[in-house]
Amino acid sequence: MDRRDFIGKALKGAAGLFAVSVLPVGLSACSHDRKNKIDTSSMANLGPLSELEKGEFPKKVPYKVKIKDGWTEQELEGFVYINKNKKDNTLLIMSPVCTHLGCTIGDADAQMQKKGIRFFCPCHMGQYDEYGINVGGPPPRPLDIFDSYIQDGNVYIAVLNPKKRENQKG
């Protein structure tokens, strides 16, 4: 065997070993056996979907979550407001952070609620309706919302990743 044959066979052998070592990873990525499990370890569990769909809306739902980021771990406590979407009756999970300057909003008083204002930011008089749409004051857009993930009957949200909404009507 000369040098040229040896190098050719060695390269073919290396390519074959590489293909065989990558094959299991490729096959598992293409597998349809996975049950779409989502890693919820850094997401807040808001509770069972069956419970969240009960009662009056909008409602305030508290959460606690441990967030792992690299080598650090921190525990966060907070809350979200939940309502039902008008269009499809799914849960609308809203951040309580005012879109003006980041203050925390709260429930509007009874007089304001009679005028259709459901949430109120006392810092600069920001006003939102029951769907988190800005209806008065300086907030430039509606409250941010969270995508929800349902796993094992529980509703999870990524509390550090709210979705920005642009101005819209309910």
N, C-alpha and C. Protein backbone atom coordinates (compact mmCIF):
# COMPACT_ATOMS: atom_id res chain seq x y z
N MET A 1 0.87 -1.17 0.00
CA MET A 1 0.00 0.00 0.00
C MET A 1 0.91 1.23 0.00
N ASP A 2 0.66 2.09 -0.93
CA ASP A 2 1.47 3.30 -0.98
C ASP A 2 0.84 4.40 -0.13
N ARG A 3 1.52 5.49 -0.06
CA ARG A 3 1.10 6.61 0.79
C ARG A 3 -0.26 7.16 0.38
N ARG A 4 -0.50 7.30 -0.90
CA ARG A 4 -1.75 7.85 -1.40
C ARG A 4 -2.93 6.96 -1.00
N ASP A 5 -2.82 5.66 -1.13
CA ASP A 5 -3.89 4.73 -0.73
C ASP A 5 -4.13 4.80 0.78
N PHE A 6 -3.03 4.87 1.52
CA PHE A 6 -3.16 4.93 2.98
C PHE A 6 -3.93 6.19 3.42
N ILE A 7 -3.58 7.34 2.89
CA ILE A 7 -4.26 8.60 3.25
C ILE A 7 -5.71 8.55 2.82
N GLY A 8 -6.00 8.02 1.65
CA GLY A 8 -7.38 7.91 1.18
C GLY A 8 -8.22 7.03 2.09
N LYS A 9 -7.68 5.87 2.47
CA LYS A 9 -8.42 4.97 3.35
C LYS A 9 -8.56 5.56 4.75
N ALA A 10 -7.55 6.26 5.22
CA ALA A 10 -7.62 6.88 6.55
C ALA A 10 -8.69 7.96 6.58
N LEU A 11 -8.77 8.77 5.53
CA LEU A 11 -9.79 9.82 5.47
C LEU A 11 -11.20 9.22 5.37
N LYS A 12 -11.35 8.18 4.57
CA LYS A 12 -12.66 7.52 4.48
C LYS A 12 -13.05 6.91 5.82
N GLY A 13 -12.09 6.32 6.50
CA GLY A 13 -12.36 5.74 7.82
C GLY A 13 -12.76 6.81 8.83
N ALA A 14 -12.06 7.95 8.81
CA ALA A 14 -12.38 9.04 9.74
C ALA A 14 -13.77 9.60 9.45
N ALA A 15 -14.09 9.75 8.15
CA ALA A 15 -15.42 10.24 7.78
C ALA A 15 -16.50 9.25 8.21
N GLY A 16 -16.22 7.97 8.07
CA GLY A 16 -17.17 6.95 8.51
C GLY A 16 -17.39 6.98 10.01
N LEU A 17 -16.30 7.12 10.77
CA LEU A 17 -16.43 7.22 12.24
C LEU A 17 -17.22 8.45 12.65
N PHE A 18 -16.95 9.56 11.96
CA PHE A 18 -17.69 10.79 12.25
C PHE A 18 -19.18 10.62 11.97
N ALA A 19 -19.49 10.03 10.84
CA ALA A 19 -20.90 9.82 10.47
C ALA A 19 -21.60 8.93 11.49
N VAL A 20 -20.92 7.87 11.92
CA VAL A 20 -21.52 6.95 12.89
C VAL A 20 -21.69 7.63 14.25
N SER A 21 -20.77 8.52 14.62
CA SER A 21 -20.89 9.18 15.92
C SER A 21 -21.98 10.26 15.91
N VAL A 22 -22.24 10.88 14.76
CA VAL A 22 -23.25 11.93 14.66
C VAL A 22 -24.64 11.35 14.41
N LEU A 23 -24.71 10.15 13.89
CA LEU A 23 -25.99 9.54 13.53
C LEU A 23 -27.00 9.49 14.68
N PRO A 24 -26.63 9.05 15.89
CA PRO A 24 -27.63 9.01 16.97
C PRO A 24 -28.20 10.39 17.32
N VAL A 25 -27.35 11.40 17.29
CA VAL A 25 -27.82 12.76 17.59
C VAL A 25 -28.81 13.22 16.52
N GLY A 26 -28.47 12.96 15.26
CA GLY A 26 -29.35 13.34 14.16
C GLY A 26 -30.67 12.62 14.21
N LEU A 27 -30.64 11.34 14.52
CA LEU A 27 -31.88 10.57 14.59
C LEU A 27 -32.75 11.01 15.76
N SER A 28 -32.14 11.34 16.89
CA SER A 28 -32.95 11.78 18.03
C SER A 28 -33.58 13.14 17.76
N ALA A 29 -32.89 13.98 17.01
CA ALA A 29 -33.45 15.29 16.68
C ALA A 29 -34.64 15.15 15.74
N CYS A 30 -34.63 14.13 14.91
CA CYS A 30 -35.73 13.90 13.97
C CYS A 30 -36.83 13.03 14.55
N SER A 31 -36.64 12.54 15.73
CA SER A 31 -37.60 11.61 16.33
C SER A 31 -38.92 12.30 16.63
N HIS A 32 -40.00 11.59 16.39
CA HIS A 32 -41.33 12.11 16.69
C HIS A 32 -41.86 11.54 18.00
N ASP A 33 -41.01 10.82 18.73
CA ASP A 33 -41.44 10.19 19.97
C ASP A 33 -41.47 11.16 21.14
N ARG A 34 -40.82 12.30 20.99
CA ARG A 34 -40.80 13.26 22.09
C ARG A 34 -42.19 13.84 22.31
N LYS A 35 -42.52 14.10 23.55
CA LYS A 35 -43.86 14.58 23.87
C LYS A 35 -43.89 16.09 24.06
N ASN A 36 -43.06 16.81 23.34
CA ASN A 36 -43.01 18.27 23.40
C ASN A 36 -42.85 18.78 24.83
N LYS A 37 -42.00 18.14 25.59
CA LYS A 37 -41.73 18.59 26.96
C LYS A 37 -40.93 19.87 26.90
N ILE A 38 -41.32 20.82 27.71
CA ILE A 38 -40.65 22.11 27.78
C ILE A 38 -39.92 22.17 29.11
N ASP A 39 -38.72 22.73 29.11
CA ASP A 39 -37.97 22.89 30.36
C ASP A 39 -38.60 24.04 31.15
N THR A 40 -39.30 23.69 32.20
CA THR A 40 -39.99 24.69 33.02
C THR A 40 -39.23 25.02 34.30
N SER A 41 -37.98 24.57 34.40
CA SER A 41 -37.23 24.75 35.64
C SER A 41 -37.03 26.22 36.01
N SER A 42 -36.97 27.12 35.04
CA SER A 42 -36.81 28.55 35.34
C SER A 42 -38.07 29.35 35.02
N MET A 43 -39.19 28.65 34.98
CA MET A 43 -40.47 29.32 34.71
C MET A 43 -41.32 29.33 35.97
N ALA A 44 -42.18 30.32 36.07
CA ALA A 44 -43.09 30.41 37.21
C ALA A 44 -44.32 29.54 36.94
N ASN A 45 -44.66 28.73 37.93
CA ASN A 45 -45.86 27.90 37.86
C ASN A 45 -47.01 28.71 38.45
N LEU A 46 -47.99 29.05 37.62
CA LEU A 46 -49.13 29.84 38.09
C LEU A 46 -50.23 28.97 38.69
N GLY A 47 -50.10 27.66 38.52
CA GLY A 47 -51.09 26.74 39.08
C GLY A 47 -51.81 25.97 38.00
N PRO A 48 -52.74 25.13 38.42
CA PRO A 48 -53.49 24.31 37.45
C PRO A 48 -54.38 25.16 36.55
N LEU A 49 -54.39 24.81 35.27
CA LEU A 49 -55.22 25.52 34.30
C LEU A 49 -56.68 25.47 34.73
N SER A 50 -57.13 24.34 35.25
CA SER A 50 -58.53 24.20 35.64
C SER A 50 -58.91 25.20 36.73
N GLU A 51 -57.97 25.51 37.62
CA GLU A 51 -58.24 26.49 38.69
C GLU A 51 -58.17 27.92 38.16
N LEU A 52 -57.21 28.18 37.28
CA LEU A 52 -57.05 29.54 36.75
C LEU A 52 -58.24 29.95 35.89
N GLU A 53 -58.93 28.99 35.29
CA GLU A 53 -60.08 29.31 34.45
C GLU A 53 -61.36 29.56 35.25
N LYS A 54 -61.31 29.34 36.56
CA LYS A 54 -62.49 29.54 37.41
C LYS A 54 -62.51 30.96 37.98
N GLY A 55 -63.68 31.37 38.42
CA GLY A 55 -63.80 32.64 39.14
C GLY A 55 -63.99 33.83 38.23
N GLU A 56 -63.87 34.99 38.85
CA GLU A 56 -64.06 36.25 38.12
C GLU A 56 -62.76 36.72 37.50
N PHE A 57 -62.91 37.44 36.41
CA PHE A 57 -61.76 37.99 35.70
C PHE A 57 -61.92 39.49 35.61
N PRO A 58 -60.84 40.24 35.56
CA PRO A 58 -59.45 39.81 35.70
C PRO A 58 -59.13 39.46 37.16
N LYS A 59 -58.11 38.65 37.33
CA LYS A 59 -57.70 38.26 38.67
C LYS A 59 -56.19 38.38 38.82
N LYS A 60 -55.78 38.57 40.06
CA LYS A 60 -54.37 38.71 40.40
C LYS A 60 -53.87 37.34 40.86
N VAL A 61 -52.78 36.86 40.26
CA VAL A 61 -52.24 35.55 40.59
C VAL A 61 -50.77 35.70 41.00
N PRO A 62 -50.43 35.34 42.24
CA PRO A 62 -49.03 35.44 42.69
C PRO A 62 -48.19 34.25 42.20
N TYR A 63 -46.88 34.44 42.20
CA TYR A 63 -45.97 33.35 41.84
C TYR A 63 -44.65 33.49 42.61
N LYS A 64 -43.95 32.39 42.73
CA LYS A 64 -42.58 32.32 43.24
C LYS A 64 -41.82 31.43 42.28
N VAL A 65 -40.60 31.81 41.97
CA VAL A 65 -39.81 31.02 41.05
C VAL A 65 -38.32 31.18 41.36
N LYS A 66 -37.57 30.10 41.18
CA LYS A 66 -36.11 30.16 41.28
C LYS A 66 -35.57 30.23 39.86
N ILE A 67 -34.80 31.26 39.61
CA ILE A 67 -34.20 31.47 38.30
C ILE A 67 -32.72 31.10 38.40
N LYS A 68 -32.28 30.18 37.54
CA LYS A 68 -30.88 29.80 37.49
C LYS A 68 -30.26 30.42 36.26
N ASP A 69 -29.19 31.16 36.48
CA ASP A 69 -28.49 31.80 35.38
C ASP A 69 -27.01 31.54 35.56
N GLY A 70 -26.49 30.61 34.81
CA GLY A 70 -25.08 30.26 34.96
C GLY A 70 -24.84 29.67 36.33
N TRP A 71 -24.02 30.36 37.13
CA TRP A 71 -23.69 29.87 38.47
C TRP A 71 -24.57 30.48 39.54
N THR A 72 -25.37 31.46 39.20
CA THR A 72 -26.19 32.12 40.20
C THR A 72 -27.62 31.62 40.17
N GLU A 73 -28.24 31.71 41.33
CA GLU A 73 -29.64 31.32 41.45
C GLU A 73 -30.32 32.37 42.31
N GLN A 74 -31.45 32.84 41.87
CA GLN A 74 -32.19 33.83 42.66
C GLN A 74 -33.65 33.45 42.71
N GLU A 75 -34.29 33.79 43.81
CA GLU A 75 -35.71 33.51 43.96
C GLU A 75 -36.48 34.80 43.73
N LEU A 76 -37.46 34.74 42.85
CA LEU A 76 -38.27 35.91 42.53
C LEU A 76 -39.70 35.67 42.99
N GLU A 77 -40.31 36.70 43.52
CA GLU A 77 -41.73 36.66 43.87
C GLU A 77 -42.41 37.80 43.14
N GLY A 78 -43.60 37.56 42.70
CA GLY A 78 -44.34 38.60 42.01
C GLY A 78 -45.76 38.16 41.76
N PHE A 79 -46.39 38.85 40.83
CA PHE A 79 -47.76 38.50 40.46
C PHE A 79 -48.03 38.92 39.03
N VAL A 80 -49.06 38.37 38.47
CA VAL A 80 -49.54 38.75 37.15
C VAL A 80 -51.04 38.94 37.24
N TYR A 81 -51.59 39.60 36.26
CA TYR A 81 -53.04 39.71 36.13
C TYR A 81 -53.48 38.80 35.00
N ILE A 82 -54.57 38.09 35.22
CA ILE A 82 -55.07 37.17 34.20
C ILE A 82 -56.50 37.54 33.84
N ASN A 83 -56.75 37.56 32.55
CA ASN A 83 -58.10 37.76 32.03
C ASN A 83 -58.28 36.74 30.90
N LYS A 84 -59.45 36.70 30.32
CA LYS A 84 -59.70 35.83 29.17
C LYS A 84 -59.77 36.68 27.92
N ASN A 85 -59.10 36.22 26.87
CA ASN A 85 -59.15 36.92 25.58
C ASN A 85 -60.58 36.94 25.06
N LYS A 86 -61.00 38.08 24.51
CA LYS A 86 -62.34 38.19 23.94
C LYS A 86 -62.52 37.28 22.74
N LYS A 87 -61.50 37.18 21.91
CA LYS A 87 -61.62 36.46 20.64
C LYS A 87 -61.73 34.95 20.81
N ASP A 88 -60.83 34.36 21.60
CA ASP A 88 -60.79 32.90 21.65
C ASP A 88 -60.93 32.30 23.05
N ASN A 89 -61.19 33.15 24.03
CA ASN A 89 -61.44 32.70 25.40
C ASN A 89 -60.23 32.04 26.07
N THR A 90 -59.02 32.23 25.50
CA THR A 90 -57.81 31.72 26.13
C THR A 90 -57.37 32.68 27.22
N LEU A 91 -56.44 32.24 28.06
CA LEU A 91 -55.96 33.11 29.13
C LEU A 91 -55.05 34.20 28.59
N LEU A 92 -55.28 35.42 29.04
CA LEU A 92 -54.45 36.57 28.73
C LEU A 92 -53.68 36.88 30.02
N ILE A 93 -52.39 36.64 30.02
CA ILE A 93 -51.57 36.81 31.22
C ILE A 93 -50.77 38.09 31.06
N MET A 94 -51.08 39.08 31.93
CA MET A 94 -50.52 40.42 31.79
C MET A 94 -49.51 40.74 32.88
N SER A 95 -48.45 41.41 32.49
CA SER A 95 -47.44 41.90 33.42
C SER A 95 -48.02 43.08 34.20
N PRO A 96 -47.69 43.21 35.50
CA PRO A 96 -48.17 44.36 36.27
C PRO A 96 -47.23 45.56 36.18
N VAL A 97 -46.34 45.56 35.21
CA VAL A 97 -45.36 46.64 35.08
C VAL A 97 -45.88 47.68 34.09
N CYS A 98 -46.03 48.91 34.56
CA CYS A 98 -46.53 50.00 33.73
C CYS A 98 -45.57 50.24 32.57
N THR A 99 -46.12 50.45 31.39
CA THR A 99 -45.30 50.64 30.19
C THR A 99 -44.77 52.06 30.07
N HIS A 100 -45.11 52.92 31.03
CA HIS A 100 -44.59 54.29 30.99
C HIS A 100 -43.17 54.31 31.54
N LEU A 101 -43.03 54.08 32.85
CA LEU A 101 -41.69 54.12 33.45
C LEU A 101 -41.39 52.91 34.32
N GLY A 102 -42.19 51.84 34.22
CA GLY A 102 -41.86 50.61 34.93
C GLY A 102 -42.33 50.50 36.36
N CYS A 103 -43.26 51.33 36.78
CA CYS A 103 -43.83 51.20 38.12
C CYS A 103 -44.77 50.00 38.14
N THR A 104 -45.15 49.57 39.32
CA THR A 104 -46.09 48.46 39.43
C THR A 104 -47.51 49.00 39.51
N ILE A 105 -48.37 48.50 38.65
CA ILE A 105 -49.76 48.94 38.64
C ILE A 105 -50.55 48.18 39.70
N GLY A 106 -51.72 48.70 40.01
CA GLY A 106 -52.62 48.04 40.94
C GLY A 106 -54.05 48.17 40.46
N ASP A 107 -54.97 47.70 41.29
CA ASP A 107 -56.39 47.82 40.96
C ASP A 107 -56.83 49.27 41.07
N ALA A 108 -57.64 49.69 40.14
CA ALA A 108 -58.21 51.05 40.19
C ALA A 108 -59.31 51.08 41.25
N ASP A 109 -59.59 52.27 41.79
CA ASP A 109 -60.65 52.38 42.79
C ASP A 109 -62.03 52.23 42.13
N ALA A 110 -63.05 52.12 42.95
CA ALA A 110 -64.40 51.85 42.45
C ALA A 110 -64.89 52.91 41.48
N GLN A 111 -64.59 54.18 41.74
CA GLN A 111 -65.02 55.26 40.85
C GLN A 111 -64.40 55.11 39.46
N MET A 112 -63.11 54.79 39.43
CA MET A 112 -62.43 54.62 38.15
C MET A 112 -62.97 53.39 37.41
N GLN A 113 -63.25 52.33 38.15
CA GLN A 113 -63.75 51.11 37.53
C GLN A 113 -65.10 51.34 36.87
N LYS A 114 -65.91 52.23 37.42
CA LYS A 114 -67.19 52.57 36.79
C LYS A 114 -66.98 53.23 35.43
N LYS A 115 -65.81 53.85 35.24
CA LYS A 115 -65.48 54.51 33.98
C LYS A 115 -64.71 53.59 33.02
N GLY A 116 -64.58 52.33 33.39
CA GLY A 116 -63.89 51.37 32.52
C GLY A 116 -62.40 51.26 32.75
N ILE A 117 -61.90 51.90 33.81
CA ILE A 117 -60.47 51.82 34.13
C ILE A 117 -60.30 50.72 35.17
N ARG A 118 -59.60 49.66 34.84
CA ARG A 118 -59.46 48.51 35.74
C ARG A 118 -58.16 48.52 36.51
N PHE A 119 -57.08 48.96 35.85
CA PHE A 119 -55.76 49.00 36.49
C PHE A 119 -55.25 50.43 36.47
N PHE A 120 -54.52 50.79 37.54
CA PHE A 120 -54.08 52.18 37.71
C PHE A 120 -52.64 52.20 38.19
N CYS A 121 -51.84 53.06 37.59
CA CYS A 121 -50.47 53.26 38.04
C CYS A 121 -50.42 54.58 38.79
N PRO A 122 -50.20 54.54 40.10
CA PRO A 122 -50.22 55.77 40.90
C PRO A 122 -49.03 56.70 40.65
N CYS A 123 -47.97 56.22 40.04
CA CYS A 123 -46.78 57.05 39.84
C CYS A 123 -47.06 58.26 38.95
N HIS A 124 -47.69 58.00 37.80
CA HIS A 124 -47.94 59.08 36.85
C HIS A 124 -49.34 59.00 36.26
N MET A 125 -50.26 58.37 37.00
CA MET A 125 -51.68 58.31 36.65
C MET A 125 -51.96 57.49 35.38
N GLY A 126 -51.19 56.44 35.16
CA GLY A 126 -51.43 55.56 34.02
C GLY A 126 -52.71 54.75 34.23
N GLN A 127 -53.50 54.58 33.19
CA GLN A 127 -54.78 53.90 33.28
C GLN A 127 -54.89 52.82 32.20
N TYR A 128 -55.39 51.66 32.62
CA TYR A 128 -55.55 50.52 31.71
C TYR A 128 -56.92 49.91 31.91
N ASP A 129 -57.49 49.35 30.84
CA ASP A 129 -58.76 48.66 30.98
C ASP A 129 -58.53 47.22 31.46
N GLU A 130 -59.57 46.41 31.51
CA GLU A 130 -59.48 45.06 32.04
C GLU A 130 -58.61 44.13 31.19
N TYR A 131 -58.32 44.52 29.96
CA TYR A 131 -57.47 43.73 29.07
C TYR A 131 -56.05 44.29 29.00
N GLY A 132 -55.74 45.27 29.86
CA GLY A 132 -54.41 45.86 29.89
C GLY A 132 -54.14 46.87 28.80
N ILE A 133 -55.19 47.33 28.13
CA ILE A 133 -55.04 48.33 27.06
C ILE A 133 -54.95 49.70 27.72
N ASN A 134 -53.95 50.48 27.33
CA ASN A 134 -53.79 51.83 27.89
C ASN A 134 -54.94 52.72 27.43
N VAL A 135 -55.65 53.31 28.41
CA VAL A 135 -56.82 54.14 28.10
C VAL A 135 -56.70 55.56 28.64
N GLY A 136 -55.65 55.85 29.39
CA GLY A 136 -55.47 57.19 29.92
C GLY A 136 -54.10 57.35 30.56
N GLY A 137 -53.67 58.61 30.68
CA GLY A 137 -52.37 58.89 31.27
C GLY A 137 -51.26 58.73 30.25
N PRO A 138 -50.02 58.71 30.73
CA PRO A 138 -48.88 58.69 29.80
C PRO A 138 -48.44 57.32 29.24
N PRO A 139 -48.95 56.17 29.69
CA PRO A 139 -48.43 54.92 29.12
C PRO A 139 -48.57 54.90 27.60
N PRO A 140 -47.48 54.59 26.89
CA PRO A 140 -47.49 54.62 25.43
C PRO A 140 -48.11 53.40 24.76
N ARG A 141 -48.30 52.31 25.50
CA ARG A 141 -48.81 51.09 24.91
C ARG A 141 -49.43 50.20 25.98
N PRO A 142 -50.12 49.13 25.57
CA PRO A 142 -50.75 48.22 26.54
C PRO A 142 -49.72 47.50 27.41
N LEU A 143 -50.23 46.89 28.48
CA LEU A 143 -49.37 46.08 29.34
C LEU A 143 -48.77 44.93 28.55
N ASP A 144 -47.54 44.58 28.90
CA ASP A 144 -46.90 43.43 28.27
C ASP A 144 -47.62 42.16 28.70
N ILE A 145 -47.51 41.13 27.88
CA ILE A 145 -48.16 39.85 28.18
C ILE A 145 -47.13 38.73 28.16
N PHE A 146 -47.51 37.60 28.71
CA PHE A 146 -46.64 36.43 28.74
C PHE A 146 -47.25 35.31 27.90
N ASP A 147 -46.38 34.61 27.18
CA ASP A 147 -46.81 33.37 26.54
C ASP A 147 -46.96 32.35 27.66
N SER A 148 -47.98 31.53 27.57
CA SER A 148 -48.17 30.50 28.59
C SER A 148 -47.83 29.14 28.01
N TYR A 149 -47.31 28.29 28.87
CA TYR A 149 -46.95 26.93 28.50
C TYR A 149 -47.67 26.00 29.47
N ILE A 150 -48.41 25.06 28.92
CA ILE A 150 -49.16 24.14 29.77
C ILE A 150 -48.45 22.80 29.76
N GLN A 151 -48.12 22.35 30.97
CA GLN A 151 -47.44 21.08 31.11
C GLN A 151 -47.99 20.38 32.35
N ASP A 152 -48.37 19.14 32.17
CA ASP A 152 -48.95 18.34 33.27
C ASP A 152 -50.12 19.07 33.93
N GLY A 153 -50.90 19.82 33.14
CA GLY A 153 -52.08 20.50 33.64
C GLY A 153 -51.82 21.84 34.31
N ASN A 154 -50.54 22.22 34.46
CA ASN A 154 -50.20 23.49 35.09
C ASN A 154 -49.80 24.52 34.04
N VAL A 155 -50.02 25.80 34.37
CA VAL A 155 -49.69 26.91 33.48
C VAL A 155 -48.37 27.53 33.93
N TYR A 156 -47.42 27.63 33.01
CA TYR A 156 -46.10 28.20 33.29
C TYR A 156 -45.88 29.43 32.42
N ILE A 157 -45.11 30.39 32.97
CA ILE A 157 -44.70 31.56 32.19
C ILE A 157 -43.21 31.82 32.45
N ALA A 158 -42.54 32.38 31.46
CA ALA A 158 -41.15 32.81 31.60
C ALA A 158 -41.20 34.26 32.09
N VAL A 159 -41.08 34.46 33.41
CA VAL A 159 -41.29 35.79 33.98
C VAL A 159 -40.29 36.83 33.51
N LEU A 160 -39.15 36.41 33.02
CA LEU A 160 -38.16 37.37 32.55
C LEU A 160 -38.31 37.68 31.06
N ASN A 161 -39.37 37.16 30.44
CA ASN A 161 -39.52 37.30 29.00
C ASN A 161 -40.94 37.70 28.59
N PRO A 162 -41.42 38.87 29.04
CA PRO A 162 -42.75 39.30 28.59
C PRO A 162 -42.71 39.75 27.14
N LYS A 163 -43.87 39.66 26.47
CA LYS A 163 -44.00 40.10 25.08
C LYS A 163 -44.57 41.51 25.05
N LYS A 164 -43.94 42.35 24.27
CA LYS A 164 -44.39 43.73 24.11
C LYS A 164 -45.60 43.76 23.20
N ARG A 165 -46.64 44.47 23.64
CA ARG A 165 -47.81 44.67 22.79
C ARG A 165 -47.81 46.10 22.28
N GLU A 166 -48.24 46.27 21.07
CA GLU A 166 -48.38 47.62 20.52
C GLU A 166 -49.82 48.07 20.76
N ASN A 167 -50.09 49.34 20.53
CA ASN A 167 -51.45 49.87 20.73
C ASN A 167 -52.44 49.05 19.92
N GLN A 168 -53.53 48.71 20.57
CA GLN A 168 -54.57 47.91 19.94
C GLN A 168 -55.88 48.12 20.68
N LYS A 169 -56.91 47.70 20.08
CA LYS A 169 -58.22 47.78 20.72
C LYS A 169 -58.58 46.39 21.24
N GLY A 170 -58.89 46.31 22.58
CA GLY A 170 -59.30 45.09 23.28
C GLY A 170 -59.22 43.91 22.49
